[in-house]
Amino acid sequence: VLPTGGMPQVLANPLQNLLQMQQVRHRQTKHWNPQFKRLRKQKFVKIELPNLQEKPEDITKEEMRRRMKERGVLPPRPWMERPFHISCTGGIFEAYVPPEGDGKKSIISSSGAKQKLEFLEKKSKSLMAVRKIRSYEEGFSTDEFGAEAQEIYIKAHQHMAAKEKYQIREYVSERCYPEMMHNVKDKTIRWRFLQSLEPPRVVHARVTEVITKENQFAQVTVRFHSQQMLAIYDRFGRLMHGSEILTKDVLEYVVFEKHISNEYGKWRLHDKIIPDWLPPKQPAPITYRLIEDAAEEAPKELSPVGGEEAKQLEAPKEQVHLAAPVEPSAKPSVAL
């Protein structure tokens, strides 16, 4: 056959093409590059599938022990242990006893000088406790802590008056929270901190351990002498206690606590010291709704008549007396 170009071309026999083919062994699952063969092998982990048809009672103790050792599982305990966190103490340890007549007696007087001398005698334990606190908190200073304690005191009472039960937990301990929020429901509280008559000062400090020696708690008692305004209204808007136009001089000894072993511990309001010599306060007047006993009337028997008469008997008397008579001259209005 002569093509258009003039050069002869011979068609090959199909059998001859088959004889010239070279057979090569080739796997479709094998990677073409054997360089990272070991790394590709580590990508797959052989696991033993559990036998779901096996019953626990059919397994012997030796077999169960062998399987637990293979998996690194500890044997179960005969008792149940639950972790718990102690974030605060349950009260005041070695509470400070306020001197009688504090805030009324001058230092110049004999009684005031005696109180000052007793305070200096008890100061040695407080100094040891402050030294212990500084070993955990280097920047602690009794001179600067009074201002910090006053901010915590104001914030806690503001959140209590606003009934913000979540924000107040940052400023009060778990023991103080139910005491502050108790009986706040259905009441309106107006509270303001006006001014400090005397700068707040630290009068007492103690450190104690709970369960272990490493678990340390610190309590600092701060003396506040300030002017405040407090007014409490009940749910009907009646004044129960205090006044919004009168100010009171308030002398308080407030205890602040911190979990000093905890790196993220905070100083929080823990309790207030109420001395034994303080006279009891008058309870707030509580208003009640007076319900007069109505005279019991004999039940009336309804006669089996039409529905209109029964409705007239059930209608209250006030509606009958208050109903205005219909004028006969009135014309009915027509709605278009």
C-alpha atoms as a PDB file:
ATOM      1  CA  VAL A   1       0.000   0.000   0.000  1.00  0.00           C
ATOM      2  CA  LEU A   2       1.439   3.336  -0.994  1.00  0.00           C
ATOM      3  CA  PRO A   3       0.273   6.281   1.119  1.00  0.00           C
ATOM      4  CA  THR A   4      -0.023   9.810  -0.165  1.00  0.00           C
ATOM      5  CA  GLY A   5       3.531  10.653   0.964  1.00  0.00           C
ATOM      6  CA  GLY A   6       5.030   8.005  -1.232  1.00  0.00           C
ATOM      7  CA  MET A   7       6.664   5.955   1.612  1.00  0.00           C
ATOM      8  CA  PRO A   8       5.631   2.291   1.906  1.00  0.00           C
ATOM      9  CA  GLN A   9       3.841   1.271   5.199  1.00  0.00           C
ATOM     10  CA  VAL A  10       3.292  -2.321   6.282  1.00  0.00           C
ATOM     11  CA  LEU A  11       0.493  -3.264   8.732  1.00  0.00           C
ATOM     12  CA  ALA A  12       1.757  -5.483  11.605  1.00  0.00           C
ATOM     13  CA  ASN A  13       0.060  -8.757  12.312  1.00  0.00           C
ATOM     14  CA  PRO A  14      -1.961  -8.726  15.604  1.00  0.00           C
ATOM     15  CA  LEU A  15      -0.300 -11.974  16.707  1.00  0.00           C
ATOM     16  CA  GLN A  16       3.116 -10.414  16.265  1.00  0.00           C
ATOM     17  CA  ASN A  17       2.126  -7.480  18.525  1.00  0.00           C
ATOM     18  CA  LEU A  18       1.124  -9.922  21.295  1.00  0.00           C
ATOM     19  CA  LEU A  19       4.473 -11.733  21.135  1.00  0.00           C
ATOM     20  CA  GLN A  20       6.375  -8.484  21.582  1.00  0.00           C
ATOM     21  CA  MET A  21       4.509  -7.563  24.868  1.00  0.00           C
ATOM     22  CA  GLN A  22       6.582  -7.903  28.058  1.00  0.00           C
ATOM     23  CA  GLN A  23       4.806  -9.119  31.201  1.00  0.00           C
ATOM     24  CA  VAL A  24       5.483  -7.015  34.366  1.00  0.00           C
ATOM     25  CA  ARG A  25       4.415  -8.016  37.891  1.00  0.00           C
ATOM     26  CA  HIS A  26       2.555  -5.095  39.469  1.00  0.00           C
ATOM     27  CA  ARG A  27       0.438  -4.627  42.679  1.00  0.00           C
ATOM     28  CA  GLN A  28      -2.264  -2.031  42.772  1.00  0.00           C
ATOM     29  CA  THR A  29      -2.018  -1.709  46.600  1.00  0.00           C
ATOM     30  CA  LYS A  30       1.711  -1.039  46.725  1.00  0.00           C
ATOM     31  CA  HIS A  31       2.976   2.510  46.738  1.00  0.00           C
ATOM     32  CA  TRP A  32       5.199   3.465  43.853  1.00  0.00           C
ATOM     33  CA  ASN A  33       7.740   5.146  46.157  1.00  0.00           C
ATOM     34  CA  PRO A  34       9.135   2.691  48.791  1.00  0.00           C
ATOM     35  CA  GLN A  35      11.107   5.437  50.564  1.00  0.00           C
ATOM     36  CA  PHE A  36       8.538   6.062  53.353  1.00  0.00           C
ATOM     37  CA  LYS A  37       7.331   2.495  53.679  1.00  0.00           C
ATOM     38  CA  ARG A  38       8.022   2.242  57.426  1.00  0.00           C
ATOM     39  CA  LEU A  39       6.231   5.514  58.175  1.00  0.00           C
ATOM     40  CA  ARG A  40       3.216   4.475  56.155  1.00  0.00           C
ATOM     41  CA  LYS A  41       3.118   1.252  58.133  1.00  0.00           C
ATOM     42  CA  GLN A  42       2.900   3.165  61.425  1.00  0.00           C
ATOM     43  CA  LYS A  43      -0.215   5.017  60.284  1.00  0.00           C
ATOM     44  CA  PHE A  44      -2.287   1.899  60.934  1.00  0.00           C
ATOM     45  CA  VAL A  45      -2.850   0.432  64.393  1.00  0.00           C
ATOM     46  CA  LYS A  46      -4.053  -3.115  64.847  1.00  0.00           C
ATOM     47  CA  ILE A  47      -6.693  -3.374  67.538  1.00  0.00           C
ATOM     48  CA  GLU A  48      -8.459  -6.319  69.035  1.00  0.00           C
ATOM     49  CA  LEU A  49     -12.176  -6.053  68.656  1.00  0.00           C
ATOM     50  CA  PRO A  50     -14.123  -7.005  71.798  1.00  0.00           C
ATOM     51  CA  ASN A  51     -16.330 -10.037  71.790  1.00  0.00           C
ATOM     52  CA  LEU A  52     -19.786  -8.598  72.247  1.00  0.00           C
ATOM     53  CA  GLN A  53     -21.343 -12.047  72.615  1.00  0.00           C
ATOM     54  CA  GLU A  54     -19.285 -12.800  75.723  1.00  0.00           C
ATOM     55  CA  LYS A  55     -21.025 -12.522  79.096  1.00  0.00           C
ATOM     56  CA  PRO A  56     -19.252 -11.082  82.179  1.00  0.00           C
ATOM     57  CA  GLU A  57     -20.269 -13.994  84.398  1.00  0.00           C
ATOM     58  CA  ASP A  58     -18.541 -16.463  82.056  1.00  0.00           C
ATOM     59  CA  ILE A  59     -15.122 -14.800  82.529  1.00  0.00           C
ATOM     60  CA  THR A  60     -12.932 -16.224  85.287  1.00  0.00           C
ATOM     61  CA  LYS A  61     -11.165 -14.029  87.855  1.00  0.00           C
ATOM     62  CA  GLU A  62      -7.739 -14.848  86.448  1.00  0.00           C
ATOM     63  CA  GLU A  63      -8.832 -13.903  82.942  1.00  0.00           C
ATOM     64  CA  MET A  64     -10.389 -10.671  84.180  1.00  0.00           C
ATOM     65  CA  ARG A  65      -7.201  -9.802  86.109  1.00  0.00           C
ATOM     66  CA  ARG A  66      -5.062 -10.484  83.032  1.00  0.00           C
ATOM     67  CA  ARG A  67      -7.207  -8.246  80.818  1.00  0.00           C
ATOM     68  CA  MET A  68      -7.192  -5.409  83.352  1.00  0.00           C
ATOM     69  CA  LYS A  69      -3.409  -5.572  83.633  1.00  0.00           C
ATOM     70  CA  GLU A  70      -3.089  -5.426  79.849  1.00  0.00           C
ATOM     71  CA  ARG A  71      -5.297  -2.335  79.656  1.00  0.00           C
ATOM     72  CA  GLY A  72      -3.775  -0.658  82.721  1.00  0.00           C
ATOM     73  CA  VAL A  73      -7.092  -0.495  84.587  1.00  0.00           C
ATOM     74  CA  LEU A  74      -7.084  -0.512  88.385  1.00  0.00           C
ATOM     75  CA  PRO A  75      -9.454  -2.870  90.195  1.00  0.00           C
ATOM     76  CA  PRO A  76     -12.643  -1.239  91.550  1.00  0.00           C
ATOM     77  CA  ARG A  77     -12.772  -0.099  95.167  1.00  0.00           C
ATOM     78  CA  PRO A  78     -15.392  -1.457  97.567  1.00  0.00           C
ATOM     79  CA  TRP A  79     -16.229   2.147  98.633  1.00  0.00           C
ATOM     80  CA  MET A  80     -17.118   5.276  96.673  1.00  0.00           C
ATOM     81  CA  GLU A  81     -14.872   8.321  97.004  1.00  0.00           C
ATOM     82  CA  ARG A  82     -15.921  11.720  95.731  1.00  0.00           C
ATOM     83  CA  PRO A  83     -13.579  14.719  95.541  1.00  0.00           C
ATOM     84  CA  PHE A  84     -14.651  17.860  97.374  1.00  0.00           C
ATOM     85  CA  HIS A  85     -13.245  21.375  97.506  1.00  0.00           C
ATOM     86  CA  ILE A  86     -13.049  23.446 100.694  1.00  0.00           C
ATOM     87  CA  SER A  87     -13.225  27.056  99.526  1.00  0.00           C
ATOM     88  CA  CYS A  88     -13.871  28.649 102.932  1.00  0.00           C
ATOM     89  CA  THR A  89     -14.039  27.826 106.629  1.00  0.00           C
ATOM     90  CA  GLY A  90     -17.238  27.310 108.576  1.00  0.00           C
ATOM     91  CA  GLY A  91     -16.829  30.250 110.939  1.00  0.00           C
ATOM     92  CA  ILE A  92     -14.406  32.593 112.679  1.00  0.00           C
ATOM     93  CA  PHE A  93     -11.412  31.081 114.466  1.00  0.00           C
ATOM     94  CA  GLU A  94     -10.165  33.074 117.465  1.00  0.00           C
ATOM     95  CA  ALA A  95     -12.698  35.839 116.922  1.00  0.00           C
ATOM     96  CA  TYR A  96     -11.765  39.382 117.868  1.00  0.00           C
ATOM     97  CA  VAL A  97     -13.602  40.763 120.907  1.00  0.00           C
ATOM     98  CA  PRO A  98     -14.462  44.442 120.354  1.00  0.00           C
ATOM     99  CA  PRO A  99     -13.874  46.605 123.439  1.00  0.00           C
ATOM    100  CA  GLU A 100     -17.013  47.890 125.114  1.00  0.00           C
ATOM    101  CA  GLY A 101     -17.758  51.512 124.313  1.00  0.00           C
ATOM    102  CA  ASP A 102     -15.590  51.544 121.179  1.00  0.00           C
ATOM    103  CA  GLY A 103     -16.264  54.609 119.071  1.00  0.00           C
ATOM    104  CA  LYS A 104     -17.620  56.559 122.037  1.00  0.00           C
ATOM    105  CA  LYS A 105     -14.609  56.746 124.379  1.00  0.00           C
ATOM    106  CA  SER A 106     -11.614  58.919 123.598  1.00  0.00           C
ATOM    107  CA  ILE A 107      -8.007  57.712 123.780  1.00  0.00           C
ATOM    108  CA  ILE A 108      -7.272  60.504 126.251  1.00  0.00           C
ATOM    109  CA  SER A 109      -9.690  59.066 128.829  1.00  0.00           C
ATOM    110  CA  SER A 110      -8.639  56.293 131.227  1.00  0.00           C
ATOM    111  CA  SER A 111     -10.968  53.687 129.696  1.00  0.00           C
ATOM    112  CA  GLY A 112      -9.779  54.548 126.187  1.00  0.00           C
ATOM    113  CA  ALA A 113      -6.123  54.227 127.193  1.00  0.00           C
ATOM    114  CA  LYS A 114      -6.860  50.850 128.795  1.00  0.00           C
ATOM    115  CA  GLN A 115      -8.439  49.601 125.576  1.00  0.00           C
ATOM    116  CA  LYS A 116      -5.383  50.724 123.618  1.00  0.00           C
ATOM    117  CA  LEU A 117      -3.084  48.831 125.987  1.00  0.00           C
ATOM    118  CA  GLU A 118      -5.107  45.608 125.649  1.00  0.00           C
ATOM    119  CA  PHE A 119      -4.967  45.968 121.862  1.00  0.00           C
ATOM    120  CA  LEU A 120      -1.162  46.153 121.941  1.00  0.00           C
ATOM    121  CA  GLU A 121      -0.961  43.015 124.102  1.00  0.00           C
ATOM    122  CA  LYS A 122      -2.955  40.980 121.569  1.00  0.00           C
ATOM    123  CA  LYS A 123      -0.985  42.346 118.637  1.00  0.00           C
ATOM    124  CA  SER A 124       1.829  39.752 118.821  1.00  0.00           C
ATOM    125  CA  LYS A 125      -0.282  36.892 117.432  1.00  0.00           C
ATOM    126  CA  SER A 126      -1.596  39.134 114.694  1.00  0.00           C
ATOM    127  CA  LEU A 127       1.947  40.044 113.649  1.00  0.00           C
ATOM    128  CA  MET A 128       2.850  36.348 113.352  1.00  0.00           C
ATOM    129  CA  ALA A 129      -0.254  35.768 111.238  1.00  0.00           C
ATOM    130  CA  VAL A 130       0.572  38.719 108.976  1.00  0.00           C
ATOM    131  CA  ARG A 131       4.071  37.294 108.500  1.00  0.00           C
ATOM    132  CA  LYS A 132       2.498  33.966 107.488  1.00  0.00           C
ATOM    133  CA  ILE A 133       0.215  35.714 104.991  1.00  0.00           C
ATOM    134  CA  ARG A 134       3.183  37.538 103.463  1.00  0.00           C
ATOM    135  CA  SER A 135       4.918  34.219 102.858  1.00  0.00           C
ATOM    136  CA  TYR A 136       2.070  33.395 100.417  1.00  0.00           C
ATOM    137  CA  GLU A 137       1.196  36.943  99.288  1.00  0.00           C
ATOM    138  CA  GLU A 138       4.266  39.150  99.088  1.00  0.00           C
ATOM    139  CA  GLY A 139       2.436  42.419  98.457  1.00  0.00           C
ATOM    140  CA  PHE A 140       0.180  42.177 101.522  1.00  0.00           C
ATOM    141  CA  SER A 141       0.252  45.260 103.759  1.00  0.00           C
ATOM    142  CA  THR A 142      -1.994  45.996 106.737  1.00  0.00           C
ATOM    143  CA  ASP A 143      -1.894  49.727 105.945  1.00  0.00           C
ATOM    144  CA  GLU A 144      -3.133  49.268 102.365  1.00  0.00           C
ATOM    145  CA  PHE A 145      -5.518  46.391 103.053  1.00  0.00           C
ATOM    146  CA  GLY A 146      -8.064  48.684 104.752  1.00  0.00           C
ATOM    147  CA  ALA A 147      -8.847  50.493 101.485  1.00  0.00           C
ATOM    148  CA  GLU A 148      -9.100  47.193  99.583  1.00  0.00           C
ATOM    149  CA  ALA A 149     -11.409  45.757 102.243  1.00  0.00           C
ATOM    150  CA  GLN A 150     -13.642  48.830 102.048  1.00  0.00           C
ATOM    151  CA  GLU A 151     -14.079  48.361  98.272  1.00  0.00           C
ATOM    152  CA  ILE A 152     -15.044  44.703  98.791  1.00  0.00           C
ATOM    153  CA  TYR A 153     -17.469  45.733 101.553  1.00  0.00           C
ATOM    154  CA  ILE A 154     -19.187  48.351  99.364  1.00  0.00           C
ATOM    155  CA  LYS A 155     -19.397  46.074  96.303  1.00  0.00           C
ATOM    156  CA  ALA A 156     -20.902  43.212  98.314  1.00  0.00           C
ATOM    157  CA  HIS A 157     -23.626  45.412  99.813  1.00  0.00           C
ATOM    158  CA  GLN A 158     -24.420  47.032  96.473  1.00  0.00           C
ATOM    159  CA  HIS A 159     -24.939  43.623  94.844  1.00  0.00           C
ATOM    160  CA  MET A 160     -27.044  42.533  97.808  1.00  0.00           C
ATOM    161  CA  ALA A 161     -29.310  45.593  97.476  1.00  0.00           C
ATOM    162  CA  ALA A 162     -29.614  44.957  93.715  1.00  0.00           C
ATOM    163  CA  LYS A 163     -30.311  41.219  94.361  1.00  0.00           C
ATOM    164  CA  GLU A 164     -27.535  40.174  91.967  1.00  0.00           C
ATOM    165  CA  LYS A 165     -26.979  36.684  93.290  1.00  0.00           C
ATOM    166  CA  TYR A 166     -24.270  35.737  90.799  1.00  0.00           C
ATOM    167  CA  GLN A 167     -22.059  38.845  90.969  1.00  0.00           C
ATOM    168  CA  ILE A 168     -22.116  38.909  94.770  1.00  0.00           C
ATOM    169  CA  ARG A 169     -20.338  35.537  94.957  1.00  0.00           C
ATOM    170  CA  GLU A 170     -17.094  37.180  93.889  1.00  0.00           C
ATOM    171  CA  TYR A 171     -17.110  39.357  97.021  1.00  0.00           C
ATOM    172  CA  VAL A 172     -18.577  37.095  99.725  1.00  0.00           C
ATOM    173  CA  SER A 173     -17.662  33.579 100.837  1.00  0.00           C
ATOM    174  CA  GLU A 174     -19.927  30.554 100.628  1.00  0.00           C
ATOM    175  CA  ARG A 175     -20.697  30.843 104.337  1.00  0.00           C
ATOM    176  CA  CYS A 176     -21.618  34.541 104.147  1.00  0.00           C
ATOM    177  CA  TYR A 177     -23.751  34.246 100.991  1.00  0.00           C
ATOM    178  CA  PRO A 178     -26.865  32.627 102.538  1.00  0.00           C
ATOM    179  CA  GLU A 179     -26.752  35.009 105.507  1.00  0.00           C
ATOM    180  CA  MET A 180     -26.679  38.094 103.279  1.00  0.00           C
ATOM    181  CA  MET A 181     -29.282  36.904 100.767  1.00  0.00           C
ATOM    182  CA  HIS A 182     -31.645  35.473 103.392  1.00  0.00           C
ATOM    183  CA  ASN A 183     -35.060  37.131 103.514  1.00  0.00           C
ATOM    184  CA  VAL A 184     -34.201  39.522 100.652  1.00  0.00           C
ATOM    185  CA  LYS A 185     -36.954  38.199  98.414  1.00  0.00           C
ATOM    186  CA  ASP A 186     -40.072  40.384  97.991  1.00  0.00           C
ATOM    187  CA  LYS A 187     -38.295  43.389  99.517  1.00  0.00           C
ATOM    188  CA  THR A 188     -36.851  46.620  98.164  1.00  0.00           C
ATOM    189  CA  ILE A 189     -33.517  47.670  99.692  1.00  0.00           C
ATOM    190  CA  ARG A 190     -32.043  51.156  99.415  1.00  0.00           C
ATOM    191  CA  TRP A 191     -28.457  51.290 100.698  1.00  0.00           C
ATOM    192  CA  ARG A 192     -25.727  53.892 100.292  1.00  0.00           C
ATOM    193  CA  PHE A 193     -22.248  54.264 101.722  1.00  0.00           C
ATOM    194  CA  LEU A 194     -21.863  57.984 102.390  1.00  0.00           C
ATOM    195  CA  GLN A 195     -18.447  58.515 103.988  1.00  0.00           C
ATOM    196  CA  SER A 196     -15.871  57.104 106.386  1.00  0.00           C
ATOM    197  CA  LEU A 197     -15.680  58.799 109.767  1.00  0.00           C
ATOM    198  CA  GLU A 198     -12.384  57.021 110.475  1.00  0.00           C
ATOM    199  CA  PRO A 199     -10.094  55.250 108.002  1.00  0.00           C
ATOM    200  CA  PRO A 200     -10.591  51.464 108.070  1.00  0.00           C
ATOM    201  CA  ARG A 201      -7.810  49.629 109.868  1.00  0.00           C
ATOM    202  CA  VAL A 202      -6.806  46.029 110.498  1.00  0.00           C
ATOM    203  CA  VAL A 203      -7.277  45.074 114.163  1.00  0.00           C
ATOM    204  CA  HIS A 204      -6.924  41.293 114.070  1.00  0.00           C
ATOM    205  CA  ALA A 205      -5.334  38.603 111.865  1.00  0.00           C
ATOM    206  CA  ARG A 206      -5.212  34.833 112.154  1.00  0.00           C
ATOM    207  CA  VAL A 207      -4.050  31.916 109.993  1.00  0.00           C
ATOM    208  CA  THR A 208      -5.219  28.331 110.402  1.00  0.00           C
ATOM    209  CA  GLU A 209      -4.890  25.013 108.601  1.00  0.00           C
ATOM    210  CA  VAL A 210      -7.731  22.770 107.452  1.00  0.00           C
ATOM    211  CA  ILE A 211      -7.228  18.962 107.264  1.00  0.00           C
ATOM    212  CA  THR A 212      -3.604  19.272 106.102  1.00  0.00           C
ATOM    213  CA  LYS A 213      -0.786  21.661 106.944  1.00  0.00           C
ATOM    214  CA  GLU A 214      -0.500  22.814 103.343  1.00  0.00           C
ATOM    215  CA  ASN A 215      -4.167  23.927 103.214  1.00  0.00           C
ATOM    216  CA  GLN A 216      -3.955  27.377 104.849  1.00  0.00           C
ATOM    217  CA  PHE A 217      -6.740  29.916 105.388  1.00  0.00           C
ATOM    218  CA  ALA A 218      -6.239  33.508 106.544  1.00  0.00           C
ATOM    219  CA  GLN A 219      -8.783  35.748 108.275  1.00  0.00           C
ATOM    220  CA  VAL A 220      -8.346  39.474 108.786  1.00  0.00           C
ATOM    221  CA  THR A 221     -10.719  41.594 110.898  1.00  0.00           C
ATOM    222  CA  VAL A 222     -11.158  45.201 109.748  1.00  0.00           C
ATOM    223  CA  ARG A 223     -12.748  47.986 111.780  1.00  0.00           C
ATOM    224  CA  PHE A 224     -15.158  50.227 109.836  1.00  0.00           C
ATOM    225  CA  HIS A 225     -16.553  53.479 111.253  1.00  0.00           C
ATOM    226  CA  SER A 226     -18.713  55.094 108.583  1.00  0.00           C
ATOM    227  CA  GLN A 227     -21.966  56.854 107.751  1.00  0.00           C
ATOM    228  CA  GLN A 228     -24.551  54.852 105.860  1.00  0.00           C
ATOM    229  CA  MET A 229     -28.149  55.090 104.710  1.00  0.00           C
ATOM    230  CA  LEU A 230     -30.465  52.079 104.769  1.00  0.00           C
ATOM    231  CA  ALA A 231     -34.155  51.762 103.998  1.00  0.00           C
ATOM    232  CA  ILE A 232     -36.050  48.482 103.574  1.00  0.00           C
ATOM    233  CA  TYR A 233     -39.529  48.293 102.060  1.00  0.00           C
ATOM    234  CA  ASP A 234     -41.812  45.271 101.994  1.00  0.00           C
ATOM    235  CA  ARG A 235     -43.602  43.976  98.912  1.00  0.00           C
ATOM    236  CA  PHE A 236     -46.465  46.446  99.440  1.00  0.00           C
ATOM    237  CA  GLY A 237     -44.068  49.428  99.449  1.00  0.00           C
ATOM    238  CA  ARG A 238     -44.354  50.073 103.189  1.00  0.00           C
ATOM    239  CA  LEU A 239     -41.238  51.113 105.101  1.00  0.00           C
ATOM    240  CA  MET A 240     -40.057  48.302 107.372  1.00  0.00           C
ATOM    241  CA  HIS A 241     -36.707  49.580 108.610  1.00  0.00           C
ATOM    242  CA  GLY A 242     -34.515  52.672 108.354  1.00  0.00           C
ATOM    243  CA  SER A 243     -35.073  55.820 106.328  1.00  0.00           C
ATOM    244  CA  GLU A 244     -33.843  57.297 103.046  1.00  0.00           C
ATOM    245  CA  ILE A 245     -33.404  60.796 104.519  1.00  0.00           C
ATOM    246  CA  LEU A 246     -31.614  59.906 107.771  1.00  0.00           C
ATOM    247  CA  THR A 247     -27.976  58.841 108.037  1.00  0.00           C
ATOM    248  CA  LYS A 248     -26.576  56.543 110.699  1.00  0.00           C
ATOM    249  CA  ASP A 249     -23.106  56.247 112.187  1.00  0.00           C
ATOM    250  CA  VAL A 250     -22.162  52.573 111.797  1.00  0.00           C
ATOM    251  CA  LEU A 251     -19.309  50.887 113.674  1.00  0.00           C
ATOM    252  CA  GLU A 252     -18.613  47.362 112.386  1.00  0.00           C
ATOM    253  CA  TYR A 253     -15.961  44.694 112.705  1.00  0.00           C
ATOM    254  CA  VAL A 254     -15.953  42.761 109.439  1.00  0.00           C
ATOM    255  CA  VAL A 255     -13.983  39.549 108.882  1.00  0.00           C
ATOM    256  CA  PHE A 256     -12.387  38.939 105.475  1.00  0.00           C
ATOM    257  CA  GLU A 257     -11.069  35.522 104.488  1.00  0.00           C
ATOM    258  CA  LYS A 258      -8.753  34.193 101.810  1.00  0.00           C
ATOM    259  CA  HIS A 259      -7.589  30.721 100.838  1.00  0.00           C
ATOM    260  CA  ILE A 260      -3.916  31.674 100.776  1.00  0.00           C
ATOM    261  CA  SER A 261      -2.798  28.189  99.669  1.00  0.00           C
ATOM    262  CA  ASN A 262      -4.812  28.650  96.493  1.00  0.00           C
ATOM    263  CA  GLU A 263      -2.915  30.592  93.847  1.00  0.00           C
ATOM    264  CA  TYR A 264      -6.142  32.157  92.565  1.00  0.00           C
ATOM    265  CA  GLY A 265      -7.663  32.862  95.998  1.00  0.00           C
ATOM    266  CA  LYS A 266      -9.407  36.196  96.699  1.00  0.00           C
ATOM    267  CA  TRP A 267     -10.148  38.246  99.764  1.00  0.00           C
ATOM    268  CA  ARG A 268     -13.879  37.960 100.399  1.00  0.00           C
ATOM    269  CA  LEU A 269     -16.296  39.104 103.064  1.00  0.00           C
ATOM    270  CA  HIS A 270     -16.767  36.209 105.474  1.00  0.00           C
ATOM    271  CA  ASP A 271     -18.624  37.386 108.595  1.00  0.00           C
ATOM    272  CA  LYS A 272     -19.388  40.262 110.945  1.00  0.00           C
ATOM    273  CA  ILE A 273     -18.523  40.233 114.639  1.00  0.00           C
ATOM    274  CA  ILE A 274     -21.441  41.125 116.916  1.00  0.00           C
ATOM    275  CA  PRO A 275     -20.206  41.527 120.528  1.00  0.00           C
ATOM    276  CA  ASP A 276     -22.109  39.992 123.426  1.00  0.00           C
ATOM    277  CA  TRP A 277     -22.473  43.315 125.238  1.00  0.00           C
ATOM    278  CA  LEU A 278     -24.405  44.835 122.319  1.00  0.00           C
ATOM    279  CA  PRO A 279     -28.142  45.178 123.170  1.00  0.00           C
ATOM    280  CA  PRO A 280     -30.521  43.223 120.932  1.00  0.00           C
ATOM    281  CA  LYS A 281     -32.127  45.114 118.082  1.00  0.00           C
ATOM    282  CA  GLN A 282     -35.840  45.669 117.750  1.00  0.00           C
ATOM    283  CA  PRO A 283     -37.447  43.427 115.097  1.00  0.00           C
ATOM    284  CA  ALA A 284     -38.816  45.122 112.007  1.00  0.00           C
ATOM    285  CA  PRO A 285     -42.599  45.636 111.956  1.00  0.00           C
ATOM    286  CA  ILE A 286     -44.250  43.166 109.630  1.00  0.00           C
ATOM    287  CA  THR A 287     -47.554  44.027 107.962  1.00  0.00           C
ATOM    288  CA  TYR A 288     -50.315  41.511 107.489  1.00  0.00           C
ATOM    289  CA  ARG A 289     -53.533  41.601 105.597  1.00  0.00           C
ATOM    290  CA  LEU A 290     -56.518  41.542 107.972  1.00  0.00           C
ATOM    291  CA  ILE A 291     -59.404  39.412 106.695  1.00  0.00           C
ATOM    292  CA  GLU A 292     -62.649  39.840 108.603  1.00  0.00           C
ATOM    293  CA  ASP A 293     -64.718  36.727 109.172  1.00  0.00           C
ATOM    294  CA  ALA A 294     -67.800  36.959 106.989  1.00  0.00           C
ATOM    295  CA  ALA A 295     -71.106  35.847 108.431  1.00  0.00           C
ATOM    296  CA  GLU A 296     -71.979  32.365 107.299  1.00  0.00           C
ATOM    297  CA  GLU A 297     -75.148  32.285 105.237  1.00  0.00           C
ATOM    298  CA  ALA A 298     -77.359  29.281 104.750  1.00  0.00           C
ATOM    299  CA  PRO A 299     -76.935  27.751 101.292  1.00  0.00           C
ATOM    300  CA  LYS A 300     -79.814  28.445  98.933  1.00  0.00           C
ATOM    301  CA  GLU A 301     -81.373  25.643  96.948  1.00  0.00           C
ATOM    302  CA  LEU A 302     -81.618  26.286  93.246  1.00  0.00           C
ATOM    303  CA  SER A 303     -84.912  25.335  91.678  1.00  0.00           C
ATOM    304  CA  PRO A 304     -84.739  23.373  88.415  1.00  0.00           C
ATOM    305  CA  VAL A 305     -85.863  26.311  86.289  1.00  0.00           C
ATOM    306  CA  GLY A 306     -84.449  27.793  83.092  1.00  0.00           C
ATOM    307  CA  GLY A 307     -80.910  29.059  82.826  1.00  0.00           C
ATOM    308  CA  GLU A 308     -81.871  32.760  83.130  1.00  0.00           C
ATOM    309  CA  GLU A 309     -83.204  32.446  86.699  1.00  0.00           C
ATOM    310  CA  ALA A 310     -80.133  30.467  87.776  1.00  0.00           C
ATOM    311  CA  LYS A 311     -77.852  33.193  86.387  1.00  0.00           C
ATOM    312  CA  GLN A 312     -79.791  35.853  88.290  1.00  0.00           C
ATOM    313  CA  LEU A 313     -79.304  33.946  91.541  1.00  0.00           C
ATOM    314  CA  GLU A 314     -75.548  33.535  90.903  1.00  0.00           C
ATOM    315  CA  ALA A 315     -75.003  37.228  90.059  1.00  0.00           C
ATOM    316  CA  PRO A 316     -73.423  39.232  92.954  1.00  0.00           C
ATOM    317  CA  LYS A 317     -75.464  41.875  94.739  1.00  0.00           C
ATOM    318  CA  GLU A 318     -72.934  44.615  93.991  1.00  0.00           C
ATOM    319  CA  GLN A 319     -73.460  44.199  90.278  1.00  0.00           C
ATOM    320  CA  VAL A 320     -77.232  44.497  90.740  1.00  0.00           C
ATOM    321  CA  HIS A 321     -76.954  47.727  92.752  1.00  0.00           C
ATOM    322  CA  LEU A 322     -74.345  49.305  90.510  1.00  0.00           C
ATOM    323  CA  ALA A 323     -76.138  48.518  87.248  1.00  0.00           C
ATOM    324  CA  ALA A 324     -77.600  51.684  85.696  1.00  0.00           C
ATOM    325  CA  PRO A 325     -81.240  51.557  84.514  1.00  0.00           C
ATOM    326  CA  VAL A 326     -81.775  51.601  80.778  1.00  0.00           C
ATOM    327  CA  GLU A 327     -83.745  54.588  79.500  1.00  0.00           C
ATOM    328  CA  PRO A 328     -86.668  53.621  77.259  1.00  0.00           C
ATOM    329  CA  SER A 329     -86.113  56.673  75.043  1.00  0.00           C
ATOM    330  CA  ALA A 330     -82.599  55.599  74.087  1.00  0.00           C
ATOM    331  CA  LYS A 331     -82.308  54.542  70.464  1.00  0.00           C
ATOM    332  CA  PRO A 332     -80.154  51.579  69.539  1.00  0.00           C
ATOM    333  CA  SER A 333     -77.047  52.446  67.520  1.00  0.00           C
ATOM    334  CA  VAL A 334     -76.481  50.732  64.216  1.00  0.00           C
ATOM    335  CA  ALA A 335     -72.946  49.815  63.190  1.00  0.00           C
ATOM    336  CA  LEU A 336     -72.258  50.219  59.490  1.00  0.00           C
END
